[in-house]
Amino acid sequence: MVCQYFAPTPDGADTFTIAMPKLTFGRGCLAEIGARAAAREIRRAALFTDPQLVAGKYFETVRDSLQAAGIDVTVFSETLIEPSDASVLSASAFLADSGADGVVSVGGGSVMDTAKAALVYARYPAPFTDYFAPPIGAGVPVPGPVLPHIACPTTSGTGSECTPLSVIRINDLNTKFVIASPFILPQEALVDPVCGATLPANVVASTSFDLLSHAIECYTARAYTGWAKQAQPMQRPVIQGANPWSDLAAREALRLAGEYLTRGVADAEDQEARDALMWAATLAGMAFGNCGTHLPHALSYGVTHLMRDIETRDYAVPSPFVPHGISVIVNAPAVFRYTAAAEPERHLEAADCLGADNRGATPDDAGEVVAGRIIELMRATQIPNGLSGIGFTEADVAPLAKSAERQRRAVGNAPRETNYTDLENIYRGALAYW
């Protein structure tokens, strides 16, 4: 049934689980939210968005559709870009007091992740880090179901509408970590590519590189058969490794990114390209929601932990701020030069999907082929030249590695065993590419 990559291993998993929301995709589908919420018997909706979107047409479309369906609406619009424990606790207090029997989120990954986490803490209050994995948390599972959630993404990158994950900054540690639970997977997602038309170029670049990295990380992740078999099926982790389903979604997301990323960044009027990127982001979300990411995302959290004195074009966020997609992709070429040695054929296949010219390439060339194609796309879209392009130097390598080392599950999902020295070497290799 499956390729050799998923061959059984001693004591390894022999099953995998796929979970996705009910998905609606198409231009204008945001207007369906009222009917879809009513069909789920939602009578009072807590509507999550952010301060930029709350006065805009996408929020208005959703609110008006809900109200036209006879649904009461209460609004939380104080979501932060890069949500924190403090902002999530504020959102959960709002939700707990709202009387809502369902949640709708309209925005990027920060809005959807805030809604997911608020759903947990509103119903199951606990010390904040309890639901996070060690070493920073207690690893307590989310106890049970939460209110129904319909997610409506407005950017073409995070795929959060299709994942059971929420990424939150712990302020005391100044670093992002992940809550993972099947209970926080949205029940429905409405993906309207019209939302992509108004995104600034650098936002499209950042979010599109996020989806690209989601897809290639899934395709090159440790196989699910390489993770330990769970005695209890309901204890199977969300981050379960590459599997035949995640392969399908990741390959198509890579193909679309390779074909449309530069076009979508260059021209806001290129409807074909921007629609394709919205679909690619959803596919990549489907992939990593059922597989998990690995080193580029693990290393990105070190970047946003230690960033300093930097602003980013097209983002109205004070310094220091590096968008998530940029914090991921500046490390990615160095990562794949490292991981390709473990699974060169998978890396060459991923590069081929992404549009690389790998004619005549041998397994020994795999890392350079993948890295070269990513660097080509970075340069074409004016992404910073590695870590040095966002203010880091050789002196930052050791602190970055120490920070990323805490992301144990993502580091463990890589196809190579990776230690602290390896992380240092990857960061060092990511300082500059051209």
Protein backbone atom coordinates (compact mmCIF):
# COMPACT_ATOMS: atom_id res chain seq x y z
CA MET A 1 0.00 0.00 0.00
CA VAL A 2 2.75 2.46 0.86
CA CYS A 3 6.27 3.23 -0.23
CA GLN A 4 9.38 1.88 1.44
CA TYR A 5 9.67 5.06 3.49
CA PHE A 6 6.84 3.76 5.69
CA ALA A 7 8.20 0.26 6.16
CA PRO A 8 7.54 -1.16 9.65
CA THR A 9 10.18 -0.68 12.32
CA PRO A 10 10.68 -2.60 15.58
CA ASP A 11 8.21 -1.28 18.18
CA GLY A 12 7.20 1.49 15.77
CA ALA A 13 3.70 2.71 15.01
CA ASP A 14 1.77 0.64 12.50
CA THR A 15 -1.24 2.92 12.17
CA PHE A 16 -1.80 6.63 11.61
CA THR A 17 -4.83 8.85 12.16
CA ILE A 18 -6.11 11.60 9.89
CA ALA A 19 -8.40 14.37 11.12
CA MET A 20 -9.65 17.43 9.24
CA PRO A 21 -12.45 19.94 9.56
CA LYS A 22 -15.35 20.10 7.15
CA LEU A 23 -13.88 22.40 4.51
CA THR A 24 -15.49 24.92 2.16
CA PHE A 25 -13.24 26.66 -0.37
CA GLY A 26 -14.14 29.26 -2.96
CA ARG A 27 -14.48 32.93 -3.72
CA GLY A 28 -17.33 34.43 -1.71
CA CYS A 29 -17.75 31.53 0.71
CA LEU A 30 -17.40 33.79 3.77
CA ALA A 31 -21.03 34.75 3.17
CA GLU A 32 -22.00 31.13 3.96
CA ILE A 33 -20.95 31.42 7.60
CA GLY A 34 -24.41 32.25 8.92
CA ALA A 35 -26.04 29.18 7.38
CA ARG A 36 -23.17 26.94 8.46
CA ALA A 37 -23.16 28.21 12.05
CA ALA A 38 -26.94 27.86 12.25
CA ALA A 39 -26.68 24.27 10.97
CA ARG A 40 -24.45 23.56 13.97
CA GLU A 41 -27.14 25.04 16.22
CA ILE A 42 -24.98 27.97 17.27
CA ARG A 43 -27.27 30.65 18.67
CA ARG A 44 -24.69 33.06 20.09
CA ALA A 45 -21.29 33.26 18.45
CA ALA A 46 -18.10 34.63 19.94
CA LEU A 47 -16.47 36.25 16.92
CA PHE A 48 -12.67 36.50 17.15
CA THR A 49 -10.70 38.89 14.94
CA ASP A 50 -7.94 41.48 15.25
CA PRO A 51 -7.82 45.30 15.48
CA GLN A 52 -6.93 45.68 11.80
CA LEU A 53 -9.68 43.45 10.45
CA VAL A 54 -12.53 44.51 12.74
CA ALA A 55 -13.26 47.59 10.63
CA GLY A 56 -12.84 45.78 7.31
CA LYS A 57 -15.09 44.12 4.76
CA TYR A 58 -14.24 40.50 5.58
CA PHE A 59 -15.22 40.90 9.21
CA GLU A 60 -18.35 42.77 8.11
CA THR A 61 -19.32 39.97 5.72
CA VAL A 62 -19.02 37.37 8.48
CA ARG A 63 -20.80 39.40 11.14
CA ASP A 64 -23.65 40.34 8.81
CA SER A 65 -24.09 36.74 7.64
CA LEU A 66 -24.26 35.48 11.23
CA GLN A 67 -26.77 38.12 12.22
CA ALA A 68 -28.89 37.50 9.11
CA ALA A 69 -29.13 33.88 10.21
CA GLY A 70 -30.55 34.99 13.55
CA ILE A 71 -27.34 34.40 15.51
CA ASP A 72 -26.33 36.81 18.26
CA VAL A 73 -22.74 38.00 17.91
CA THR A 74 -20.27 39.13 20.54
CA VAL A 75 -16.87 40.32 19.35
CA PHE A 76 -13.30 39.91 20.63
CA SER A 77 -10.97 42.03 18.49
CA GLU A 78 -7.93 42.41 20.76
CA THR A 79 -5.95 39.55 19.25
CA LEU A 80 -2.23 40.19 19.02
CA ILE A 81 -0.02 39.30 16.09
CA GLU A 82 1.99 36.54 17.79
CA PRO A 83 -0.45 35.85 20.66
CA SER A 84 0.91 35.48 24.18
CA ASP A 85 -0.23 33.78 27.36
CA ALA A 86 -1.52 37.14 28.59
CA SER A 87 -3.53 37.85 25.45
CA VAL A 88 -4.95 34.32 25.42
CA LEU A 89 -6.03 34.59 29.05
CA SER A 90 -7.78 37.85 28.19
CA ALA A 91 -9.52 36.11 25.29
CA SER A 92 -10.51 33.13 27.43
CA ALA A 93 -12.00 35.42 30.09
CA PHE A 94 -14.02 37.13 27.37
CA LEU A 95 -15.22 33.76 26.07
CA ALA A 96 -16.10 32.43 29.50
CA ASP A 97 -18.25 35.50 30.19
CA SER A 98 -19.77 35.76 26.71
CA GLY A 99 -22.54 33.20 26.94
CA ALA A 100 -21.49 31.96 23.52
CA ASP A 101 -22.23 28.42 22.41
CA GLY A 102 -19.86 28.54 19.45
CA VAL A 103 -16.81 30.39 18.15
CA VAL A 104 -16.02 31.91 14.75
CA SER A 105 -12.52 33.19 13.97
CA VAL A 106 -11.76 35.60 11.12
CA GLY A 107 -8.11 36.41 10.53
CA GLY A 108 -4.65 34.97 10.19
CA GLY A 109 -2.99 32.29 12.25
CA SER A 110 -2.76 34.53 15.30
CA VAL A 111 -6.54 34.98 15.42
CA MET A 112 -7.30 31.29 14.87
CA ASP A 113 -4.66 30.17 17.39
CA THR A 114 -5.99 32.63 19.97
CA ALA A 115 -9.49 31.26 19.50
CA LYS A 116 -8.30 27.66 19.85
CA ALA A 117 -6.38 28.34 23.05
CA ALA A 118 -9.17 30.49 24.52
CA LEU A 119 -11.59 27.61 23.96
CA VAL A 120 -9.38 25.42 26.14
CA TYR A 121 -8.76 27.82 29.02
CA ALA A 122 -12.36 29.07 29.11
CA ARG A 123 -13.68 25.54 29.65
CA TYR A 124 -10.74 23.93 31.47
CA PRO A 125 -8.91 26.59 33.53
CA ALA A 126 -5.44 25.50 34.60
CA PRO A 127 -1.97 26.92 35.22
CA PHE A 128 -1.11 28.20 31.77
CA THR A 129 1.81 25.92 30.94
CA ASP A 130 0.03 22.73 32.03
CA TYR A 131 -1.17 22.03 28.50
CA PHE A 132 2.27 22.51 26.94
CA ALA A 133 4.80 19.71 26.52
CA PRO A 134 7.96 19.40 28.60
CA PRO A 135 10.46 20.89 29.21
CA ILE A 136 8.43 24.08 29.69
CA GLY A 137 5.07 22.53 30.50
CA ALA A 138 3.49 19.66 32.39
CA GLY A 139 2.26 17.83 29.30
CA VAL A 140 -1.32 17.62 30.61
CA PRO A 141 -3.75 16.59 27.82
CA VAL A 142 -6.64 18.90 27.09
CA PRO A 143 -9.36 17.15 29.16
CA GLY A 144 -12.14 16.99 26.59
CA PRO A 145 -14.24 18.70 23.93
CA VAL A 146 -14.58 22.46 23.62
CA LEU A 147 -17.23 24.64 21.93
CA PRO A 148 -17.62 24.27 18.16
CA HIS A 149 -15.27 26.49 16.16
CA ILE A 150 -15.58 27.63 12.55
CA ALA A 151 -12.32 29.11 11.28
CA CYS A 152 -12.09 31.63 8.43
CA PRO A 153 -8.48 32.38 7.39
CA THR A 154 -7.63 35.68 5.72
CA THR A 155 -3.98 34.95 4.87
CA SER A 156 -2.35 32.35 2.64
CA GLY A 157 0.08 30.68 4.96
CA THR A 158 -0.61 29.30 8.39
CA GLY A 159 -3.16 26.60 7.57
CA SER A 160 -4.32 26.89 11.19
CA GLU A 161 -7.91 26.34 10.08
CA CYS A 162 -6.94 22.69 9.43
CA THR A 163 -4.73 21.93 12.44
CA PRO A 164 -5.22 20.81 16.04
CA LEU A 165 -2.39 23.12 17.13
CA SER A 166 -2.13 26.55 18.74
CA VAL A 167 1.17 28.46 18.88
CA ILE A 168 1.44 30.83 21.85
CA ARG A 169 4.27 32.95 23.25
CA ILE A 170 4.98 32.33 26.93
CA ASN A 171 5.91 35.81 28.11
CA ASP A 172 8.14 34.78 31.01
CA LEU A 173 10.23 32.68 28.59
CA ASN A 174 9.81 35.10 25.65
CA THR A 175 9.40 32.11 23.34
CA LYS A 176 6.61 30.42 21.41
CA PHE A 177 5.44 26.91 22.23
CA VAL A 178 2.61 24.71 20.99
CA ILE A 179 -0.61 23.36 22.49
CA ALA A 180 -1.53 20.22 20.56
CA SER A 181 -4.84 18.43 21.01
CA PRO A 182 -7.40 16.82 18.70
CA PHE A 183 -10.04 18.71 20.67
CA ILE A 184 -8.91 22.09 19.27
CA LEU A 185 -9.21 21.14 15.61
CA PRO A 186 -11.92 23.45 14.18
CA GLN A 187 -15.10 21.66 13.18
CA GLU A 188 -15.36 23.68 9.97
CA ALA A 189 -13.18 25.94 7.85
CA LEU A 190 -14.31 28.50 5.27
CA VAL A 191 -11.41 29.46 3.02
CA ASP A 192 -12.28 32.42 0.81
CA PRO A 193 -9.43 33.31 -1.58
CA VAL A 194 -10.92 36.78 -2.09
CA CYS A 195 -9.16 37.62 1.19
CA GLY A 196 -5.76 37.15 -0.46
CA ALA A 197 -6.28 39.98 -2.94
CA THR A 198 -5.72 42.77 -0.40
CA LEU A 199 -2.63 41.39 1.29
CA PRO A 200 0.57 43.48 0.93
CA ALA A 201 3.41 41.87 -1.02
CA ASN A 202 5.66 41.14 1.95
CA VAL A 203 2.80 39.58 3.89
CA VAL A 204 2.12 37.27 0.94
CA ALA A 205 5.83 36.41 0.81
CA SER A 206 6.06 35.62 4.52
CA THR A 207 2.88 33.57 4.71
CA SER A 208 3.64 31.74 1.47
CA PHE A 209 7.08 30.71 2.68
CA ASP A 210 5.38 29.43 5.81
CA LEU A 211 3.14 27.17 3.73
CA LEU A 212 6.10 26.12 1.59
CA SER A 213 8.06 25.11 4.67
CA HIS A 214 5.03 23.34 6.19
CA ALA A 215 4.81 21.22 3.08
CA ILE A 216 8.48 20.36 2.66
CA GLU A 217 8.91 19.68 6.38
CA CYS A 218 5.99 17.25 6.26
CA TYR A 219 7.34 15.49 3.19
CA THR A 220 10.80 15.10 4.72
CA ALA A 221 9.67 14.43 8.31
CA ARG A 222 10.44 11.25 10.18
CA ALA A 223 8.04 8.51 9.05
CA TYR A 224 5.16 7.71 11.38
CA THR A 225 6.53 4.16 11.64
CA GLY A 226 9.63 5.61 13.28
CA TRP A 227 7.63 6.88 16.26
CA ALA A 228 6.84 4.52 19.12
CA LYS A 229 3.61 2.58 18.92
CA GLN A 230 0.98 3.80 21.40
CA ALA A 231 -0.72 1.20 23.58
CA GLN A 232 -3.85 3.38 23.72
CA PRO A 233 -5.00 4.71 20.33
CA MET A 234 -6.43 7.90 21.81
CA GLN A 235 -2.94 8.75 23.10
CA ARG A 236 -1.48 8.87 19.60
CA PRO A 237 0.23 12.26 19.33
CA VAL A 238 -0.93 14.91 16.89
CA ILE A 239 2.66 15.22 15.68
CA GLN A 240 2.83 11.66 14.37
CA GLY A 241 5.32 11.96 11.48
CA ALA A 242 5.08 11.70 7.71
CA ASN A 243 2.37 9.39 6.39
CA PRO A 244 0.76 8.60 3.04
CA TRP A 245 -1.99 11.20 3.56
CA SER A 246 0.37 14.05 4.51
CA ASP A 247 2.47 13.16 1.46
CA LEU A 248 -0.48 13.74 -0.87
CA ALA A 249 -1.29 17.18 0.51
CA ALA A 250 2.35 18.24 0.86
CA ARG A 251 3.28 17.36 -2.71
CA GLU A 252 0.46 19.39 -4.20
CA ALA A 253 1.13 22.34 -1.87
CA LEU A 254 4.77 22.32 -2.98
CA ARG A 255 3.80 22.22 -6.63
CA LEU A 256 1.51 25.21 -6.21
CA ALA A 257 4.09 27.16 -4.19
CA GLY A 258 6.76 26.52 -6.80
CA GLU A 259 4.50 27.73 -9.58
CA TYR A 260 2.71 30.66 -7.97
CA LEU A 261 4.73 32.08 -5.05
CA THR A 262 6.72 34.68 -6.95
CA ARG A 263 3.71 35.64 -9.07
CA GLY A 264 1.49 36.06 -6.03
CA VAL A 265 4.03 38.30 -4.30
CA ALA A 266 4.73 40.39 -7.39
CA ASP A 267 1.18 41.19 -8.48
CA ALA A 268 -1.88 41.71 -6.27
CA GLU A 269 -4.01 41.62 -9.42
CA ASP A 270 -2.89 38.08 -10.28
CA GLN A 271 -6.05 36.39 -9.06
CA GLU A 272 -4.97 32.95 -10.28
CA ALA A 273 -1.75 33.08 -8.27
CA ARG A 274 -3.24 34.43 -5.07
CA ASP A 275 -6.15 31.98 -5.18
CA ALA A 276 -3.68 29.13 -5.71
CA LEU A 277 -1.64 30.22 -2.70
CA MET A 278 -4.74 30.22 -0.49
CA TRP A 279 -5.47 26.65 -1.59
CA ALA A 280 -1.82 25.65 -1.12
CA ALA A 281 -1.87 27.04 2.42
CA THR A 282 -4.92 24.95 3.26
CA LEU A 283 -3.36 21.83 1.77
CA ALA A 284 -0.15 22.42 3.72
CA GLY A 285 -2.22 22.89 6.87
CA MET A 286 -3.93 19.57 6.21
CA ALA A 287 -0.48 18.00 5.84
CA PHE A 288 1.22 19.37 8.93
CA GLY A 289 -1.91 19.07 11.06
CA ASN A 290 -1.61 15.33 10.52
CA CYS A 291 2.17 15.04 10.49
CA GLY A 292 3.89 17.88 12.34
CA THR A 293 6.69 20.14 11.24
CA HIS A 294 10.36 19.73 12.14
CA LEU A 295 13.58 21.73 12.25
CA PRO A 296 12.77 24.92 10.30
CA HIS A 297 9.87 25.59 12.66
CA ALA A 298 11.79 24.51 15.75
CA LEU A 299 14.61 26.90 14.82
CA SER A 300 12.19 29.72 14.00
CA TYR A 301 11.19 29.92 17.66
CA GLY A 302 14.79 30.65 18.59
CA VAL A 303 14.73 33.55 16.11
CA THR A 304 11.58 35.13 17.54
CA HIS A 305 12.89 34.55 21.06
CA LEU A 306 16.13 36.46 20.49
CA MET A 307 15.22 38.97 17.75
CA ARG A 308 16.10 42.57 18.52
CA ASP A 309 15.77 46.04 17.02
CA ILE A 310 14.08 45.03 13.78
CA GLU A 311 10.88 45.98 11.98
CA THR A 312 9.41 44.32 8.91
CA ARG A 313 7.99 46.01 5.83
CA ASP A 314 4.18 45.79 5.43
CA TYR A 315 3.63 44.83 9.09
CA ALA A 316 2.35 47.52 11.47
CA VAL A 317 4.08 45.91 14.45
CA PRO A 318 6.67 47.71 16.58
CA SER A 319 10.26 46.49 16.85
CA PRO A 320 11.37 43.84 17.51
CA PHE A 321 9.29 41.85 15.06
CA VAL A 322 10.08 39.17 12.49
CA PRO A 323 7.01 37.57 10.85
CA HIS A 324 6.65 33.85 11.42
CA GLY A 325 7.17 32.83 7.79
CA ILE A 326 10.40 34.79 7.54
CA SER A 327 11.68 33.41 10.85
CA VAL A 328 11.10 29.93 9.42
CA ILE A 329 12.48 30.31 5.91
CA VAL A 330 15.74 32.06 6.79
CA ASN A 331 16.83 28.79 8.42
CA ALA A 332 15.30 26.38 5.92
CA PRO A 333 18.08 26.09 3.31
CA ALA A 334 20.63 25.28 6.01
CA VAL A 335 18.23 22.79 7.59
CA PHE A 336 17.63 20.86 4.40
CA ARG A 337 21.33 20.76 3.58
CA TYR A 338 21.62 18.96 6.92
CA THR A 339 18.58 16.66 6.80
CA ALA A 340 19.03 15.55 3.19
CA ALA A 341 21.82 13.18 4.20
CA ALA A 342 19.25 11.04 6.03
CA GLU A 343 16.65 10.81 3.27
CA PRO A 344 18.09 12.14 0.01
CA GLU A 345 15.41 10.66 -2.23
CA ARG A 346 12.61 12.32 -0.28
CA HIS A 347 14.44 15.64 -0.50
CA LEU A 348 14.94 15.29 -4.26
CA GLU A 349 11.26 14.45 -4.71
CA ALA A 350 10.26 17.51 -2.68
CA ALA A 351 12.60 19.70 -4.71
CA ASP A 352 11.09 18.34 -7.92
CA CYS A 353 7.58 19.22 -6.70
CA LEU A 354 8.83 22.71 -5.90
CA GLY A 355 10.06 23.17 -9.46
CA ALA A 356 13.79 22.65 -8.98
CA ASP A 357 15.94 21.61 -11.91
CA ASN A 358 17.33 18.36 -10.57
CA ARG A 359 18.31 16.77 -13.86
CA GLY A 360 21.36 14.64 -13.30
CA ALA A 361 21.25 15.16 -9.53
CA THR A 362 22.50 12.33 -7.37
CA PRO A 363 21.52 11.57 -3.77
CA ASP A 364 24.64 13.42 -2.66
CA ASP A 365 23.28 16.57 -4.34
CA ALA A 366 19.88 16.48 -2.62
CA GLY A 367 20.57 19.07 0.05
CA GLU A 368 22.01 21.57 -2.39
CA VAL A 369 19.14 21.07 -4.84
CA VAL A 370 16.50 21.78 -2.18
CA ALA A 371 18.45 24.67 -0.66
CA GLY A 372 19.17 26.17 -4.07
CA ARG A 373 15.50 26.23 -5.08
CA ILE A 374 14.42 27.81 -1.78
CA ILE A 375 17.18 30.42 -2.04
CA GLU A 376 16.10 31.19 -5.62
CA LEU A 377 12.56 31.88 -4.40
CA MET A 378 13.82 33.92 -1.44
CA ARG A 379 15.89 36.16 -3.69
CA ALA A 380 13.03 36.58 -6.17
CA THR A 381 10.74 37.84 -3.40
CA GLN A 382 13.30 39.96 -1.46
CA ILE A 383 13.37 37.79 1.64
CA PRO A 384 16.28 38.65 3.99
CA ASN A 385 19.58 36.89 3.29
CA GLY A 386 19.52 34.39 6.13
CA LEU A 387 19.92 35.23 9.79
CA SER A 388 22.32 38.08 9.10
CA GLY A 389 19.56 39.75 7.10
CA ILE A 390 17.45 40.05 10.26
CA GLY A 391 20.23 41.20 12.56
CA PHE A 392 21.89 38.03 13.88
CA THR A 393 25.63 37.33 13.97
CA GLU A 394 27.98 34.47 14.82
CA ALA A 395 27.75 35.55 18.47
CA ASP A 396 24.06 34.60 18.46
CA VAL A 397 24.55 31.01 17.28
CA ALA A 398 24.93 29.41 20.71
CA PRO A 399 21.99 31.25 22.35
CA LEU A 400 19.79 30.43 19.34
CA ALA A 401 20.66 26.73 19.60
CA LYS A 402 19.98 26.70 23.34
CA SER A 403 16.54 28.23 22.72
CA ALA A 404 15.59 25.87 19.89
CA GLU A 405 16.75 22.82 21.82
CA ARG A 406 13.61 23.12 23.97
CA GLN A 407 11.34 22.38 20.97
CA ARG A 408 11.72 18.66 21.56
CA ARG A 409 8.82 17.22 19.61
CA ALA A 410 9.54 19.23 16.45
CA VAL A 411 13.27 18.50 16.68
CA GLY A 412 12.43 14.83 17.12
CA ASN A 413 10.24 14.87 13.99
CA ALA A 414 13.24 15.53 11.75
CA PRO A 415 14.57 12.62 9.68
CA ARG A 416 17.96 12.87 11.42
CA GLU A 417 18.74 12.66 15.12
CA THR A 418 19.71 16.21 16.02
CA ASN A 419 21.67 17.40 19.06
CA TYR A 420 22.71 20.78 20.39
CA THR A 421 25.90 20.88 18.31
CA ASP A 422 23.91 20.10 15.18
CA LEU A 423 21.58 22.99 15.94
CA GLU A 424 24.55 25.32 16.33
CA ASN A 425 25.94 24.19 12.98
CA ILE A 426 22.61 24.69 11.22
CA TYR A 427 22.22 28.20 12.62
CA ARG A 428 25.79 28.98 11.60
CA GLY A 429 25.07 27.76 8.09
CA ALA A 430 21.96 29.95 7.97
CA LEU A 431 23.76 33.24 8.65
CA ALA A 432 23.94 34.08 4.92
CA TYR A 433 23.31 32.35 1.59
CA TRP A 434 24.46 34.81 -1.06
